[in-house]
Amino acid sequence: TLACYPEHYAMGAPREKWFFINGICTSPPVAILNGLELAKAFHRPIHLIHTPTSGVVTDLWDSMTARTLRKDGKLSRLAYDVVKEALSTHDKVVIVGHSQGTIVGSYIARKLLKDKRYRHHAPKLEIYCIAGVADSFRTDPSLSAHFGRAVPYVEHLANGLDFFCRIGVLAHLERTA
């Protein structure tokens, strides 16, 4: 990961760690600019988990197979390991995912809830999805009942006129936190 934060901002709450996962066709410089804008908006350092681009066709194919066929690639597994480590050492971990990044975020949540060694960290995870193309986003009802909120905590920001949101989060509300 690469941390993005303007020098004049404090390092943020020392027990929090924030991540940004970009969408398709995002070059590293654009991902860094996105991270800097998020850092300015939230006054926190933002750590980038960059999904590399191989062009629009390949990126769309990778997104489709990861989302629909649950063929989670190497990046999703690496991203899970990075977030899992942060959950072990921080009181709160926040993921902001954009488009394809929401698919990676859904993988992280799904994997965390299945991982018996790290599942107890799920209440510390918050995921914010922008232009969500993920077609499912599960939470754990048993943990939710105990904490009085969805675990992990998930919010979606979706435009009803956005094609990818319409085939993603908006088309699958019954399977989405």
Protein backbone atom coordinates (compact mmCIF):
# COMPACT_ATOMS: atom_id res chain seq x y z
CA THR A 1 0.00 0.00 0.00
CA LEU A 2 0.98 3.62 -0.46
CA ALA A 3 -0.09 6.25 2.07
CA CYS A 4 -1.55 9.51 0.77
CA TYR A 5 -1.83 12.48 3.04
CA PRO A 6 -0.96 16.13 2.71
CA GLU A 7 1.89 17.07 5.03
CA HIS A 8 -0.14 19.62 6.96
CA TYR A 9 -2.70 17.05 8.13
CA ALA A 10 -2.18 15.16 11.31
CA MET A 11 -1.66 11.45 10.90
CA GLY A 12 -5.28 10.91 11.95
CA ALA A 13 -6.45 8.82 14.83
CA PRO A 14 -3.53 6.55 15.69
CA ARG A 15 -5.74 3.50 16.15
CA GLU A 16 -7.51 3.86 12.78
CA LYS A 17 -6.36 2.83 9.34
CA TRP A 18 -8.11 3.91 6.14
CA PHE A 19 -7.81 2.30 2.69
CA PHE A 20 -8.96 3.28 -0.80
CA ILE A 21 -9.50 0.63 -3.49
CA ASN A 22 -9.91 2.11 -6.97
CA GLY A 23 -12.10 1.11 -9.90
CA ILE A 24 -11.23 -0.08 -13.40
CA CYS A 25 -8.83 1.72 -15.72
CA THR A 26 -7.26 3.74 -12.91
CA SER A 27 -3.60 4.49 -13.41
CA PRO A 28 -1.36 4.79 -10.34
CA PRO A 29 -1.14 8.63 -10.61
CA VAL A 30 -4.95 8.93 -10.72
CA ALA A 31 -5.30 6.53 -7.77
CA ILE A 32 -2.85 8.71 -5.82
CA LEU A 33 -4.87 11.84 -6.68
CA ASN A 34 -8.06 10.08 -5.52
CA GLY A 35 -6.30 9.09 -2.28
CA LEU A 36 -5.14 12.65 -1.70
CA GLU A 37 -8.67 13.99 -2.19
CA LEU A 38 -10.05 11.44 0.28
CA ALA A 39 -7.30 12.38 2.74
CA LYS A 40 -8.27 16.04 2.42
CA ALA A 41 -11.98 15.26 2.83
CA PHE A 42 -11.56 13.07 5.90
CA HIS A 43 -8.39 14.56 7.40
CA ARG A 44 -6.84 11.10 7.56
CA PRO A 45 -4.01 9.36 5.79
CA ILE A 46 -5.40 7.08 3.10
CA HIS A 47 -3.55 3.90 2.17
CA LEU A 48 -4.02 2.85 -1.43
CA ILE A 49 -4.74 -0.69 -2.49
CA HIS A 50 -4.33 -0.18 -6.22
CA THR A 51 -6.08 -2.52 -8.62
CA PRO A 52 -3.79 -2.43 -11.65
CA THR A 53 -5.31 -1.80 -15.05
CA SER A 54 -4.81 -3.86 -18.19
CA GLY A 55 -7.23 -1.82 -20.30
CA VAL A 56 -10.97 -1.53 -20.29
CA VAL A 57 -11.79 -4.93 -21.83
CA THR A 58 -9.51 -6.93 -19.51
CA ASP A 59 -10.55 -4.88 -16.47
CA LEU A 60 -14.24 -5.46 -17.23
CA TRP A 61 -13.61 -9.19 -17.73
CA ASP A 62 -11.72 -9.41 -14.43
CA SER A 63 -14.54 -7.55 -12.68
CA MET A 64 -17.22 -9.79 -14.18
CA THR A 65 -15.47 -13.02 -13.22
CA ALA A 66 -14.63 -11.78 -9.72
CA ARG A 67 -18.15 -10.54 -9.11
CA THR A 68 -20.38 -13.05 -10.82
CA LEU A 69 -18.32 -16.24 -10.73
CA ARG A 70 -16.58 -15.44 -7.41
CA LYS A 71 -13.23 -15.96 -9.14
CA ASP A 72 -11.39 -13.69 -6.77
CA GLY A 73 -7.96 -12.96 -8.15
CA LYS A 74 -4.60 -12.47 -6.57
CA LEU A 75 -5.35 -8.83 -5.74
CA SER A 76 -8.40 -9.69 -3.62
CA ARG A 77 -6.41 -12.19 -1.61
CA LEU A 78 -3.54 -9.72 -1.13
CA ALA A 79 -5.98 -6.96 -0.20
CA TYR A 80 -7.57 -9.26 2.38
CA ASP A 81 -4.17 -9.96 3.92
CA VAL A 82 -3.39 -6.23 4.16
CA VAL A 83 -6.77 -5.45 5.76
CA LYS A 84 -6.55 -8.47 8.08
CA GLU A 85 -3.18 -7.23 9.35
CA ALA A 86 -4.61 -3.74 9.91
CA LEU A 87 -7.56 -5.21 11.83
CA SER A 88 -5.11 -6.99 14.12
CA THR A 89 -3.30 -3.79 15.05
CA HIS A 90 -5.98 -1.06 14.89
CA ASP A 91 -9.27 -0.31 16.65
CA LYS A 92 -11.01 0.67 13.42
CA VAL A 93 -10.34 -0.05 9.75
CA VAL A 94 -12.17 1.82 6.99
CA ILE A 95 -12.28 0.82 3.33
CA VAL A 96 -13.54 3.20 0.66
CA GLY A 97 -14.10 1.25 -2.55
CA HIS A 98 -14.98 2.70 -5.93
CA SER A 99 -16.67 0.59 -8.63
CA GLN A 100 -14.38 -2.46 -9.07
CA GLY A 101 -13.01 -1.68 -5.60
CA THR A 102 -16.43 -2.57 -4.16
CA ILE A 103 -16.01 -6.10 -5.54
CA VAL A 104 -12.70 -6.39 -3.69
CA GLY A 105 -14.40 -4.96 -0.58
CA SER A 106 -17.17 -7.57 -0.76
CA TYR A 107 -14.52 -10.30 -1.04
CA ILE A 108 -12.76 -8.92 2.05
CA ALA A 109 -16.00 -8.90 4.07
CA ARG A 110 -16.98 -12.41 2.90
CA LYS A 111 -13.52 -13.83 3.62
CA LEU A 112 -13.29 -12.13 7.03
CA LEU A 113 -16.64 -13.55 8.16
CA LYS A 114 -15.48 -17.07 7.16
CA ASP A 115 -12.04 -16.77 8.75
CA LYS A 116 -12.34 -18.33 12.22
CA ARG A 117 -9.06 -16.79 13.41
CA TYR A 118 -9.94 -13.19 12.43
CA ARG A 119 -13.77 -13.16 12.42
CA HIS A 120 -13.84 -11.49 15.83
CA HIS A 121 -12.29 -8.39 14.20
CA ALA A 122 -15.29 -7.90 11.85
CA PRO A 123 -17.00 -5.31 14.12
CA LYS A 124 -13.95 -3.03 13.64
CA LEU A 125 -14.39 -2.93 9.84
CA GLU A 126 -16.33 -0.23 7.99
CA ILE A 127 -16.76 -0.37 4.21
CA TYR A 128 -18.06 2.54 2.11
CA CYS A 129 -18.94 1.66 -1.48
CA ILE A 130 -19.10 4.34 -4.18
CA ALA A 131 -20.70 3.36 -7.50
CA GLY A 132 -21.05 -0.21 -6.25
CA VAL A 133 -20.83 -2.87 -8.90
CA ALA A 134 -20.60 -5.71 -6.36
CA ASP A 135 -23.67 -7.94 -6.60
CA SER A 136 -23.65 -9.09 -2.97
CA PHE A 137 -22.40 -7.74 0.30
CA ARG A 138 -23.06 -9.94 3.27
CA THR A 139 -22.91 -9.18 6.94
CA ASP A 140 -23.22 -11.55 9.89
CA PRO A 141 -26.68 -11.44 11.52
CA SER A 142 -25.46 -13.09 14.74
CA LEU A 143 -22.75 -10.45 15.18
CA SER A 144 -25.18 -7.74 14.08
CA ALA A 145 -27.63 -8.68 16.83
CA HIS A 146 -24.85 -8.44 19.43
CA PHE A 147 -23.49 -5.08 18.23
CA GLY A 148 -26.81 -3.48 17.24
CA ARG A 149 -25.61 -2.71 13.70
CA ALA A 150 -24.46 -4.51 10.59
CA VAL A 151 -21.12 -6.31 10.99
CA PRO A 152 -19.04 -5.33 9.19
CA TYR A 153 -20.61 -1.88 8.82
CA VAL A 154 -21.38 -1.20 5.14
CA GLU A 155 -22.77 1.85 3.30
CA HIS A 156 -23.47 2.20 -0.42
CA LEU A 157 -23.56 5.40 -2.46
CA ALA A 158 -25.17 4.59 -5.80
CA ASN A 159 -26.61 6.67 -8.62
CA GLY A 160 -29.77 5.07 -10.02
CA LEU A 161 -28.81 6.23 -13.53
CA ASP A 162 -25.34 4.62 -13.40
CA PHE A 163 -25.40 1.41 -15.47
CA PHE A 164 -22.88 -0.38 -13.26
CA CYS A 165 -24.76 0.48 -10.06
CA ARG A 166 -27.97 -0.71 -11.71
CA ILE A 167 -26.45 -4.12 -12.50
CA GLY A 168 -24.58 -4.14 -9.19
CA VAL A 169 -25.83 -3.09 -5.79
CA LEU A 170 -29.20 -1.74 -6.98
CA ALA A 171 -30.15 -4.96 -8.81
CA HIS A 172 -29.24 -7.17 -5.87
CA LEU A 173 -30.58 -5.39 -2.81
CA GLU A 174 -31.84 -8.66 -1.28
CA ARG A 175 -28.25 -9.98 -1.12
CA THR A 176 -26.67 -6.74 -0.05
CA ALA A 177 -26.18 -5.23 3.37
